[in-house]
Amino acid sequence: MKLDKHPQAEALIFDLDGTLSNSIPVHIAAWHKTCKHYNCTYNEEITYQLTGAPTILFARRIIDENKLEGVDPMEMVRMKQQNFWNSVDSLIKPIDAVVDLVHRYYGKVPMAIGTGANKKSAMMQLEKLELTNYFDAIVTADDVENHKPEPHTFLKCAELMSVSPEKCHVLEDGELGMRAAVTAGMHLTDVRPFINS
């Protein structure tokens, strides 16, 4: 079983964290380190439930679950992001099955990144993976107001590539992103069976 473009698709849209980049364990470690500072615990299930959502939603969930009082969620986000950024160079690795698809279709069809990460996190990872120049569009959490599971991230990718949504093929590992792709009317592949086998 090989990962490939849908035969009717004319453009590819890739999620980043957990799809192109093996960053999920790095995010989990960054959250544990952040929560240690706040003397609270990080429930790793949050990662899988909210993958694709902006970091502020994670922070609010942690504050709520741990009943933290007087904690500024934006300050928690800043600390977590710094912890993550400090680890990118040493810990981020490509997810080969998906990156191979990027290399295979580069120059043949338009390609975009549609991620819930902020721009700095996204660009740091793409630079580390040596993929910065492969994409016609990069849409991050900073570029849309309504994040996954809303379809806006992927619809903006389609718009920037000048390809209609029904001719786009999304590759995702997160439940929120998959819902966004379906709502956008795009072809969808859950990459998890290809990268966990």
N, C-alpha and C. Protein backbone atom coordinates (compact mmCIF):
# COMPACT_ATOMS: atom_id res chain seq x y z
N MET A 1 0.85 -1.19 0.00
CA MET A 1 0.00 0.00 0.00
C MET A 1 0.89 1.24 0.00
N LYS A 2 0.78 2.04 -1.06
CA LYS A 2 1.63 3.22 -1.18
C LYS A 2 0.77 4.48 -1.18
N LEU A 3 1.25 5.47 -0.49
CA LEU A 3 0.55 6.76 -0.43
C LEU A 3 0.64 7.43 -1.80
N ASP A 4 -0.51 7.89 -2.32
CA ASP A 4 -0.49 8.52 -3.63
C ASP A 4 -1.60 9.57 -3.73
N LYS A 5 -1.49 10.39 -4.76
CA LYS A 5 -2.49 11.42 -5.04
C LYS A 5 -3.77 10.78 -5.56
N HIS A 6 -4.91 11.32 -5.16
CA HIS A 6 -6.18 10.87 -5.72
C HIS A 6 -6.17 11.13 -7.22
N PRO A 7 -6.62 10.15 -8.03
CA PRO A 7 -6.53 10.33 -9.49
C PRO A 7 -7.27 11.55 -10.03
N GLN A 8 -8.30 12.02 -9.33
CA GLN A 8 -9.05 13.18 -9.82
C GLN A 8 -8.54 14.50 -9.24
N ALA A 9 -7.56 14.43 -8.35
CA ALA A 9 -7.06 15.65 -7.70
C ALA A 9 -6.06 16.38 -8.60
N GLU A 10 -6.14 17.70 -8.56
CA GLU A 10 -5.23 18.54 -9.34
C GLU A 10 -4.30 19.35 -8.44
N ALA A 11 -4.44 19.17 -7.13
CA ALA A 11 -3.56 19.87 -6.18
C ALA A 11 -3.52 19.07 -4.88
N LEU A 12 -2.42 19.20 -4.14
CA LEU A 12 -2.24 18.50 -2.87
C LEU A 12 -2.13 19.51 -1.74
N ILE A 13 -2.80 19.21 -0.62
CA ILE A 13 -2.70 20.04 0.58
C ILE A 13 -2.25 19.15 1.73
N PHE A 14 -1.18 19.54 2.38
CA PHE A 14 -0.61 18.74 3.46
C PHE A 14 -0.78 19.45 4.80
N ASP A 15 -1.28 18.71 5.79
CA ASP A 15 -1.14 19.14 7.17
C ASP A 15 0.36 19.03 7.49
N LEU A 16 0.80 19.64 8.57
CA LEU A 16 2.23 19.62 8.90
C LEU A 16 2.53 18.72 10.09
N ASP A 17 2.07 19.11 11.28
CA ASP A 17 2.39 18.34 12.49
C ASP A 17 1.74 16.97 12.46
N GLY A 18 2.55 15.93 12.51
CA GLY A 18 2.03 14.56 12.51
C GLY A 18 1.76 14.02 11.12
N THR A 19 1.89 14.88 10.10
CA THR A 19 1.68 14.45 8.71
C THR A 19 2.99 14.50 7.93
N LEU A 20 3.61 15.67 7.86
CA LEU A 20 4.93 15.79 7.22
C LEU A 20 6.06 15.69 8.25
N SER A 21 5.76 16.15 9.45
CA SER A 21 6.76 16.26 10.52
C SER A 21 6.37 15.35 11.69
N ASN A 22 7.36 14.66 12.26
CA ASN A 22 7.07 13.77 13.39
C ASN A 22 7.01 14.56 14.69
N SER A 23 6.38 15.71 14.65
CA SER A 23 6.48 16.67 15.75
C SER A 23 5.57 16.38 16.94
N ILE A 24 4.63 15.44 16.80
CA ILE A 24 3.67 15.23 17.89
C ILE A 24 4.37 14.88 19.22
N PRO A 25 5.34 13.94 19.23
CA PRO A 25 6.05 13.68 20.51
C PRO A 25 6.79 14.90 21.04
N VAL A 26 7.26 15.76 20.14
CA VAL A 26 7.98 16.98 20.54
C VAL A 26 7.00 17.96 21.19
N HIS A 27 5.79 18.08 20.61
CA HIS A 27 4.76 18.92 21.22
C HIS A 27 4.38 18.39 22.61
N ILE A 28 4.22 17.08 22.72
CA ILE A 28 3.85 16.48 24.01
C ILE A 28 4.92 16.79 25.06
N ALA A 29 6.19 16.62 24.69
CA ALA A 29 7.29 16.89 25.62
C ALA A 29 7.29 18.37 26.03
N ALA A 30 7.01 19.26 25.06
CA ALA A 30 6.99 20.71 25.36
C ALA A 30 5.84 21.04 26.32
N TRP A 31 4.69 20.36 26.16
CA TRP A 31 3.57 20.59 27.07
C TRP A 31 3.89 20.07 28.47
N HIS A 32 4.53 18.90 28.56
CA HIS A 32 4.90 18.36 29.88
C HIS A 32 5.85 19.33 30.60
N LYS A 33 6.81 19.86 29.86
CA LYS A 33 7.77 20.80 30.46
C LYS A 33 7.06 22.07 30.93
N THR A 34 6.13 22.55 30.11
CA THR A 34 5.36 23.75 30.46
C THR A 34 4.50 23.50 31.70
N CYS A 35 3.83 22.35 31.72
CA CYS A 35 2.95 22.04 32.86
C CYS A 35 3.74 21.84 34.15
N LYS A 36 4.96 21.34 34.01
CA LYS A 36 5.81 21.20 35.20
C LYS A 36 6.04 22.57 35.84
N HIS A 37 6.24 23.59 35.01
CA HIS A 37 6.43 24.96 35.50
C HIS A 37 5.19 25.42 36.28
N TYR A 38 4.01 25.00 35.82
CA TYR A 38 2.76 25.43 36.45
C TYR A 38 2.28 24.46 37.54
N ASN A 39 3.12 23.47 37.85
CA ASN A 39 2.76 22.46 38.85
C ASN A 39 1.43 21.79 38.55
N CYS A 40 1.25 21.47 37.27
CA CYS A 40 0.03 20.75 36.88
C CYS A 40 0.42 19.61 35.96
N THR A 41 -0.56 18.81 35.54
CA THR A 41 -0.26 17.66 34.70
C THR A 41 -0.83 17.88 33.29
N TYR A 42 -0.16 17.27 32.33
CA TYR A 42 -0.64 17.33 30.95
C TYR A 42 -1.23 15.99 30.57
N ASN A 43 -2.51 16.00 30.25
CA ASN A 43 -3.22 14.81 29.79
C ASN A 43 -2.94 14.63 28.30
N GLU A 44 -2.16 13.62 27.94
CA GLU A 44 -1.72 13.46 26.55
C GLU A 44 -2.88 13.21 25.58
N GLU A 45 -4.02 12.79 26.10
CA GLU A 45 -5.18 12.61 25.22
C GLU A 45 -5.58 13.91 24.53
N ILE A 46 -5.31 15.03 25.21
CA ILE A 46 -5.63 16.35 24.63
C ILE A 46 -4.94 16.49 23.27
N THR A 47 -3.71 16.00 23.19
CA THR A 47 -2.94 16.11 21.94
C THR A 47 -3.72 15.52 20.77
N TYR A 48 -4.25 14.33 20.99
CA TYR A 48 -4.91 13.62 19.88
C TYR A 48 -6.31 14.17 19.61
N GLN A 49 -6.94 14.70 20.64
CA GLN A 49 -8.27 15.28 20.46
C GLN A 49 -8.20 16.64 19.76
N LEU A 50 -7.13 17.40 20.03
CA LEU A 50 -7.06 18.77 19.52
C LEU A 50 -6.00 18.99 18.43
N THR A 51 -5.34 17.92 17.97
CA THR A 51 -4.34 18.10 16.91
C THR A 51 -4.96 18.86 15.75
N GLY A 52 -4.27 19.93 15.34
CA GLY A 52 -4.79 20.79 14.27
C GLY A 52 -5.40 22.08 14.78
N ALA A 53 -5.72 22.10 16.08
CA ALA A 53 -6.31 23.31 16.68
C ALA A 53 -5.19 24.26 17.13
N PRO A 54 -5.47 25.56 17.23
CA PRO A 54 -4.44 26.49 17.70
C PRO A 54 -4.07 26.24 19.16
N THR A 55 -2.84 26.60 19.51
CA THR A 55 -2.26 26.28 20.82
C THR A 55 -3.07 26.85 21.97
N ILE A 56 -3.73 27.99 21.77
CA ILE A 56 -4.50 28.61 22.85
C ILE A 56 -5.61 27.69 23.35
N LEU A 57 -6.17 26.87 22.46
CA LEU A 57 -7.22 25.94 22.89
C LEU A 57 -6.66 24.86 23.80
N PHE A 58 -5.42 24.42 23.53
CA PHE A 58 -4.76 23.47 24.41
C PHE A 58 -4.57 24.09 25.80
N ALA A 59 -4.07 25.32 25.81
CA ALA A 59 -3.79 26.00 27.09
C ALA A 59 -5.07 26.15 27.91
N ARG A 60 -6.15 26.57 27.26
CA ARG A 60 -7.42 26.74 27.99
C ARG A 60 -7.90 25.40 28.56
N ARG A 61 -7.73 24.35 27.79
CA ARG A 61 -8.16 23.02 28.25
C ARG A 61 -7.33 22.58 29.46
N ILE A 62 -6.02 22.80 29.42
CA ILE A 62 -5.14 22.43 30.53
C ILE A 62 -5.52 23.22 31.78
N ILE A 63 -5.74 24.51 31.62
CA ILE A 63 -6.11 25.37 32.75
C ILE A 63 -7.43 24.90 33.36
N ASP A 64 -8.37 24.55 32.49
CA ASP A 64 -9.69 24.09 32.95
C ASP A 64 -9.58 22.73 33.66
N GLU A 65 -8.88 21.78 33.04
CA GLU A 65 -8.78 20.43 33.62
C GLU A 65 -8.04 20.43 34.95
N ASN A 66 -7.03 21.31 35.08
CA ASN A 66 -6.24 21.36 36.30
C ASN A 66 -6.76 22.38 37.31
N LYS A 67 -7.87 23.04 36.92
CA LYS A 67 -8.49 24.06 37.79
C LYS A 67 -7.45 25.09 38.27
N LEU A 68 -6.66 25.56 37.30
CA LEU A 68 -5.64 26.56 37.62
C LEU A 68 -6.30 27.94 37.72
N GLU A 69 -5.97 28.66 38.75
CA GLU A 69 -6.54 30.00 38.93
C GLU A 69 -5.48 31.05 38.71
N GLY A 70 -5.86 32.11 38.02
CA GLY A 70 -4.95 33.23 37.80
C GLY A 70 -3.87 32.97 36.77
N VAL A 71 -4.01 31.89 35.99
CA VAL A 71 -3.01 31.60 34.95
C VAL A 71 -3.48 32.20 33.63
N ASP A 72 -2.59 32.98 33.01
CA ASP A 72 -2.89 33.61 31.73
C ASP A 72 -2.64 32.58 30.62
N PRO A 73 -3.68 32.18 29.89
CA PRO A 73 -3.47 31.18 28.84
C PRO A 73 -2.47 31.62 27.77
N MET A 74 -2.43 32.93 27.47
CA MET A 74 -1.48 33.40 26.47
C MET A 74 -0.04 33.26 26.95
N GLU A 75 0.16 33.46 28.25
CA GLU A 75 1.51 33.29 28.82
C GLU A 75 1.91 31.81 28.76
N MET A 76 0.95 30.93 29.03
CA MET A 76 1.21 29.50 28.93
C MET A 76 1.57 29.12 27.49
N VAL A 77 0.85 29.68 26.54
CA VAL A 77 1.12 29.43 25.12
C VAL A 77 2.53 29.88 24.76
N ARG A 78 2.92 31.07 25.21
CA ARG A 78 4.26 31.58 24.89
C ARG A 78 5.34 30.65 25.42
N MET A 79 5.16 30.16 26.65
CA MET A 79 6.14 29.27 27.25
C MET A 79 6.21 27.94 26.49
N LYS A 80 5.03 27.40 26.17
CA LYS A 80 5.01 26.13 25.44
C LYS A 80 5.66 26.29 24.08
N GLN A 81 5.35 27.37 23.36
CA GLN A 81 5.93 27.56 22.04
C GLN A 81 7.44 27.69 22.12
N GLN A 82 7.94 28.40 23.12
CA GLN A 82 9.39 28.52 23.27
C GLN A 82 10.03 27.16 23.55
N ASN A 83 9.38 26.37 24.40
CA ASN A 83 9.88 25.02 24.67
C ASN A 83 9.92 24.18 23.40
N PHE A 84 8.88 24.33 22.56
CA PHE A 84 8.83 23.60 21.29
C PHE A 84 9.93 24.08 20.34
N TRP A 85 10.04 25.40 20.19
CA TRP A 85 11.04 25.96 19.27
C TRP A 85 12.45 25.54 19.66
N ASN A 86 12.69 25.44 20.97
CA ASN A 86 14.03 25.04 21.44
C ASN A 86 14.37 23.61 21.06
N SER A 87 13.34 22.82 20.73
CA SER A 87 13.55 21.40 20.42
C SER A 87 13.54 21.08 18.93
N VAL A 88 13.11 22.03 18.11
CA VAL A 88 12.90 21.74 16.68
C VAL A 88 14.17 21.21 16.01
N ASP A 89 15.27 21.91 16.20
CA ASP A 89 16.49 21.54 15.48
C ASP A 89 16.99 20.15 15.84
N SER A 90 16.85 19.77 17.10
CA SER A 90 17.42 18.49 17.52
C SER A 90 16.44 17.32 17.39
N LEU A 91 15.14 17.58 17.43
CA LEU A 91 14.19 16.47 17.54
C LEU A 91 13.26 16.26 16.35
N ILE A 92 13.05 17.28 15.53
CA ILE A 92 12.09 17.14 14.42
C ILE A 92 12.69 16.29 13.31
N LYS A 93 11.91 15.31 12.85
CA LYS A 93 12.32 14.45 11.73
C LYS A 93 11.18 14.38 10.72
N PRO A 94 11.50 14.09 9.45
CA PRO A 94 10.45 13.96 8.45
C PRO A 94 9.68 12.65 8.60
N ILE A 95 8.42 12.66 8.18
CA ILE A 95 7.65 11.42 8.04
C ILE A 95 7.80 11.00 6.58
N ASP A 96 8.66 10.02 6.37
CA ASP A 96 9.17 9.72 5.03
C ASP A 96 8.09 9.41 4.00
N ALA A 97 7.07 8.63 4.37
CA ALA A 97 6.05 8.24 3.40
C ALA A 97 5.34 9.45 2.81
N VAL A 98 5.16 10.49 3.64
CA VAL A 98 4.44 11.69 3.19
C VAL A 98 5.40 12.63 2.46
N VAL A 99 6.60 12.79 2.99
CA VAL A 99 7.59 13.65 2.34
C VAL A 99 7.93 13.11 0.95
N ASP A 100 7.96 11.80 0.80
CA ASP A 100 8.21 11.19 -0.52
C ASP A 100 7.16 11.66 -1.54
N LEU A 101 5.92 11.78 -1.08
CA LEU A 101 4.84 12.24 -1.97
C LEU A 101 5.09 13.68 -2.42
N VAL A 102 5.57 14.51 -1.50
CA VAL A 102 5.91 15.90 -1.85
C VAL A 102 6.97 15.90 -2.95
N HIS A 103 8.02 15.12 -2.76
CA HIS A 103 9.10 15.07 -3.76
C HIS A 103 8.60 14.54 -5.10
N ARG A 104 7.70 13.57 -5.04
CA ARG A 104 7.20 12.94 -6.27
C ARG A 104 6.38 13.89 -7.12
N TYR A 105 5.59 14.77 -6.46
CA TYR A 105 4.67 15.64 -7.20
C TYR A 105 5.15 17.08 -7.31
N TYR A 106 6.33 17.37 -6.77
CA TYR A 106 6.86 18.73 -6.86
C TYR A 106 7.06 19.10 -8.33
N GLY A 107 6.50 20.25 -8.72
CA GLY A 107 6.61 20.72 -10.09
C GLY A 107 5.58 20.12 -11.03
N LYS A 108 4.81 19.14 -10.53
CA LYS A 108 3.79 18.48 -11.38
C LYS A 108 2.39 19.00 -11.07
N VAL A 109 2.10 19.21 -9.78
CA VAL A 109 0.81 19.78 -9.37
C VAL A 109 1.08 20.83 -8.29
N PRO A 110 0.20 21.83 -8.15
CA PRO A 110 0.37 22.79 -7.04
C PRO A 110 0.24 22.08 -5.69
N MET A 111 1.00 22.56 -4.72
CA MET A 111 0.96 21.96 -3.38
C MET A 111 0.94 23.06 -2.32
N ALA A 112 0.25 22.78 -1.22
CA ALA A 112 0.15 23.77 -0.14
C ALA A 112 0.27 23.08 1.21
N ILE A 113 0.59 23.88 2.22
CA ILE A 113 0.54 23.46 3.62
C ILE A 113 -0.69 24.12 4.24
N GLY A 114 -1.50 23.33 4.95
CA GLY A 114 -2.63 23.86 5.71
C GLY A 114 -2.51 23.37 7.14
N THR A 115 -2.00 24.22 8.04
CA THR A 115 -1.64 23.79 9.38
C THR A 115 -2.30 24.63 10.47
N GLY A 116 -2.50 24.01 11.63
CA GLY A 116 -2.98 24.72 12.81
C GLY A 116 -1.84 25.35 13.59
N ALA A 117 -0.59 25.11 13.15
CA ALA A 117 0.57 25.72 13.81
C ALA A 117 0.64 27.20 13.46
N ASN A 118 1.30 27.98 14.32
CA ASN A 118 1.51 29.38 13.96
C ASN A 118 2.64 29.46 12.92
N LYS A 119 2.79 30.64 12.33
CA LYS A 119 3.73 30.78 11.21
C LYS A 119 5.16 30.44 11.61
N LYS A 120 5.60 30.92 12.78
CA LYS A 120 6.99 30.67 13.19
C LYS A 120 7.24 29.18 13.36
N SER A 121 6.33 28.47 14.04
CA SER A 121 6.50 27.03 14.25
C SER A 121 6.51 26.29 12.92
N ALA A 122 5.61 26.69 12.03
CA ALA A 122 5.52 26.03 10.71
C ALA A 122 6.80 26.23 9.92
N MET A 123 7.29 27.47 9.86
CA MET A 123 8.48 27.76 9.05
C MET A 123 9.72 27.11 9.64
N MET A 124 9.83 27.06 10.96
CA MET A 124 10.98 26.40 11.59
C MET A 124 11.01 24.92 11.21
N GLN A 125 9.83 24.28 11.24
CA GLN A 125 9.78 22.86 10.90
C GLN A 125 10.10 22.63 9.42
N LEU A 126 9.51 23.45 8.54
CA LEU A 126 9.76 23.28 7.11
C LEU A 126 11.23 23.50 6.78
N GLU A 127 11.86 24.45 7.45
CA GLU A 127 13.29 24.68 7.23
C GLU A 127 14.10 23.47 7.69
N LYS A 128 13.76 22.94 8.86
CA LYS A 128 14.47 21.77 9.38
C LYS A 128 14.29 20.57 8.44
N LEU A 129 13.10 20.43 7.86
CA LEU A 129 12.81 19.31 6.95
C LEU A 129 13.30 19.58 5.53
N GLU A 130 13.84 20.80 5.30
CA GLU A 130 14.31 21.21 3.97
C GLU A 130 13.19 21.15 2.93
N LEU A 131 12.01 21.65 3.33
CA LEU A 131 10.84 21.63 2.44
C LEU A 131 10.29 23.03 2.15
N THR A 132 10.97 24.05 2.62
CA THR A 132 10.43 25.42 2.53
C THR A 132 10.01 25.81 1.12
N ASN A 133 10.76 25.40 0.12
CA ASN A 133 10.53 25.89 -1.24
C ASN A 133 9.63 24.98 -2.08
N TYR A 134 9.03 23.99 -1.47
CA TYR A 134 8.25 23.02 -2.24
C TYR A 134 6.79 23.42 -2.42
N PHE A 135 6.34 24.44 -1.68
CA PHE A 135 4.90 24.71 -1.62
C PHE A 135 4.53 26.04 -2.25
N ASP A 136 3.39 26.03 -2.95
CA ASP A 136 2.88 27.24 -3.60
C ASP A 136 2.17 28.14 -2.60
N ALA A 137 1.72 27.57 -1.49
CA ALA A 137 1.02 28.33 -0.45
C ALA A 137 1.25 27.67 0.90
N ILE A 138 1.38 28.49 1.93
CA ILE A 138 1.50 28.00 3.30
C ILE A 138 0.50 28.78 4.14
N VAL A 139 -0.53 28.08 4.62
CA VAL A 139 -1.58 28.71 5.42
C VAL A 139 -1.46 28.19 6.86
N THR A 140 -1.24 29.11 7.79
CA THR A 140 -1.05 28.75 9.20
C THR A 140 -2.20 29.28 10.05
N ALA A 141 -2.12 29.02 11.35
CA ALA A 141 -3.14 29.53 12.27
C ALA A 141 -3.20 31.05 12.27
N ASP A 142 -2.08 31.69 11.88
CA ASP A 142 -2.03 33.16 11.85
C ASP A 142 -2.79 33.73 10.65
N ASP A 143 -3.13 32.89 9.69
CA ASP A 143 -3.69 33.37 8.42
C ASP A 143 -5.21 33.24 8.32
N VAL A 144 -5.83 32.55 9.28
CA VAL A 144 -7.29 32.39 9.25
C VAL A 144 -7.86 32.65 10.63
N GLU A 145 -9.12 33.07 10.68
CA GLU A 145 -9.77 33.30 11.97
C GLU A 145 -10.45 32.04 12.47
N ASN A 146 -10.99 31.24 11.55
CA ASN A 146 -11.71 30.03 11.93
C ASN A 146 -10.84 28.82 11.61
N HIS A 147 -10.39 28.14 12.66
CA HIS A 147 -9.43 27.05 12.52
C HIS A 147 -10.14 25.70 12.36
N LYS A 148 -9.36 24.67 12.05
CA LYS A 148 -9.90 23.31 11.97
C LYS A 148 -10.66 23.01 13.27
N PRO A 149 -11.83 22.40 13.23
CA PRO A 149 -12.45 21.64 12.14
C PRO A 149 -13.21 22.47 11.11
N GLU A 150 -13.18 23.80 11.24
CA GLU A 150 -13.77 24.63 10.18
C GLU A 150 -12.91 24.48 8.92
N PRO A 151 -13.49 24.63 7.73
CA PRO A 151 -12.75 24.35 6.50
C PRO A 151 -11.86 25.48 5.99
N HIS A 152 -11.85 26.63 6.69
CA HIS A 152 -11.23 27.84 6.15
C HIS A 152 -9.75 27.68 5.79
N THR A 153 -9.00 26.93 6.61
CA THR A 153 -7.57 26.74 6.33
C THR A 153 -7.37 26.11 4.95
N PHE A 154 -8.11 25.03 4.70
CA PHE A 154 -7.95 24.31 3.43
C PHE A 154 -8.55 25.09 2.26
N LEU A 155 -9.65 25.79 2.50
CA LEU A 155 -10.25 26.59 1.43
C LEU A 155 -9.31 27.72 1.02
N LYS A 156 -8.61 28.29 2.00
CA LYS A 156 -7.65 29.35 1.67
C LYS A 156 -6.49 28.78 0.85
N CYS A 157 -6.06 27.57 1.19
CA CYS A 157 -5.01 26.90 0.39
C CYS A 157 -5.46 26.76 -1.06
N ALA A 158 -6.70 26.27 -1.25
CA ALA A 158 -7.24 26.08 -2.61
C ALA A 158 -7.27 27.41 -3.36
N GLU A 159 -7.73 28.45 -2.66
CA GLU A 159 -7.84 29.78 -3.27
C GLU A 159 -6.46 30.29 -3.71
N LEU A 160 -5.46 30.13 -2.84
CA LEU A 160 -4.12 30.62 -3.15
C LEU A 160 -3.47 29.84 -4.29
N MET A 161 -3.88 28.57 -4.45
CA MET A 161 -3.35 27.76 -5.55
C MET A 161 -4.19 27.91 -6.82
N SER A 162 -5.32 28.62 -6.71
CA SER A 162 -6.27 28.78 -7.84
C SER A 162 -6.78 27.43 -8.35
N VAL A 163 -7.10 26.55 -7.39
CA VAL A 163 -7.67 25.24 -7.72
C VAL A 163 -8.98 25.10 -6.95
N SER A 164 -10.02 24.60 -7.60
CA SER A 164 -11.31 24.48 -6.92
C SER A 164 -11.22 23.40 -5.82
N PRO A 165 -11.96 23.59 -4.73
CA PRO A 165 -11.85 22.67 -3.59
C PRO A 165 -12.04 21.20 -3.95
N GLU A 166 -13.01 20.92 -4.83
CA GLU A 166 -13.29 19.51 -5.14
C GLU A 166 -12.16 18.85 -5.91
N LYS A 167 -11.19 19.65 -6.38
CA LYS A 167 -10.04 19.09 -7.11
C LYS A 167 -8.78 19.06 -6.24
N CYS A 168 -8.97 19.33 -4.92
CA CYS A 168 -7.85 19.29 -3.97
C CYS A 168 -7.87 17.99 -3.18
N HIS A 169 -6.70 17.51 -2.83
CA HIS A 169 -6.55 16.28 -2.05
C HIS A 169 -5.78 16.63 -0.77
N VAL A 170 -6.44 16.43 0.37
CA VAL A 170 -5.84 16.75 1.67
C VAL A 170 -5.24 15.49 2.29
N LEU A 171 -4.04 15.64 2.84
CA LEU A 171 -3.39 14.56 3.61
C LEU A 171 -3.29 15.01 5.05
N GLU A 172 -3.87 14.24 5.95
CA GLU A 172 -4.06 14.65 7.34
C GLU A 172 -3.84 13.48 8.30
N ASP A 173 -3.49 13.81 9.54
CA ASP A 173 -3.44 12.80 10.60
C ASP A 173 -4.39 13.13 11.74
N GLY A 174 -4.94 14.35 11.76
CA GLY A 174 -5.76 14.80 12.89
C GLY A 174 -7.25 14.75 12.59
N GLU A 175 -8.03 14.38 13.59
CA GLU A 175 -9.48 14.27 13.42
C GLU A 175 -10.09 15.62 13.03
N LEU A 176 -9.63 16.70 13.64
CA LEU A 176 -10.19 18.03 13.33
C LEU A 176 -9.90 18.39 11.88
N GLY A 177 -8.70 18.09 11.42
CA GLY A 177 -8.33 18.39 10.04
C GLY A 177 -9.11 17.56 9.04
N MET A 178 -9.37 16.30 9.40
CA MET A 178 -10.15 15.44 8.50
C MET A 178 -11.58 15.96 8.36
N ARG A 179 -12.13 16.42 9.47
CA ARG A 179 -13.47 17.00 9.40
C ARG A 179 -13.47 18.26 8.53
N ALA A 180 -12.41 19.05 8.65
CA ALA A 180 -12.29 20.27 7.85
C ALA A 180 -12.22 19.95 6.36
N ALA A 181 -11.47 18.91 6.02
CA ALA A 181 -11.32 18.52 4.61
C ALA A 181 -12.65 18.04 4.02
N VAL A 182 -13.37 17.26 4.80
CA VAL A 182 -14.68 16.75 4.35
C VAL A 182 -15.65 17.92 4.15
N THR A 183 -15.68 18.84 5.11
CA THR A 183 -16.56 20.01 5.01
C THR A 183 -16.19 20.86 3.80
N ALA A 184 -14.90 20.92 3.48
CA ALA A 184 -14.44 21.71 2.33
C ALA A 184 -14.76 21.03 1.00
N GLY A 185 -15.22 19.76 1.05
CA GLY A 185 -15.55 19.04 -0.17
C GLY A 185 -14.33 18.53 -0.92
N MET A 186 -13.26 18.26 -0.18
CA MET A 186 -12.01 17.84 -0.80
C MET A 186 -11.81 16.33 -0.67
N HIS A 187 -10.97 15.77 -1.53
CA HIS A 187 -10.52 14.39 -1.36
C HIS A 187 -9.67 14.34 -0.10
N LEU A 188 -9.72 13.22 0.61
CA LEU A 188 -9.02 13.13 1.90
C LEU A 188 -8.33 11.79 2.05
N THR A 189 -7.10 11.82 2.55
CA THR A 189 -6.41 10.60 2.98
C THR A 189 -5.96 10.78 4.42
N ASP A 190 -6.34 9.81 5.27
CA ASP A 190 -5.83 9.71 6.63
C ASP A 190 -4.46 9.05 6.50
N VAL A 191 -3.40 9.78 6.81
CA VAL A 191 -2.05 9.24 6.58
C VAL A 191 -1.61 8.25 7.65
N ARG A 192 -2.34 8.14 8.75
CA ARG A 192 -1.88 7.33 9.86
C ARG A 192 -1.58 5.87 9.51
N PRO A 193 -2.43 5.20 8.68
CA PRO A 193 -2.11 3.82 8.33
C PRO A 193 -0.81 3.71 7.52
N PHE A 194 -0.44 4.75 6.80
CA PHE A 194 0.77 4.72 5.98
C PHE A 194 2.03 4.98 6.79
N ILE A 195 1.88 5.70 7.89
CA ILE A 195 3.07 6.08 8.65
C ILE A 195 3.24 5.24 9.92
N ASN A 196 2.22 4.49 10.29
CA ASN A 196 2.31 3.66 11.50
C ASN A 196 2.53 2.19 11.18
N SER A 197 2.59 1.87 9.90
CA SER A 197 2.70 0.45 9.53
C SER A 197 4.14 -0.02 9.61
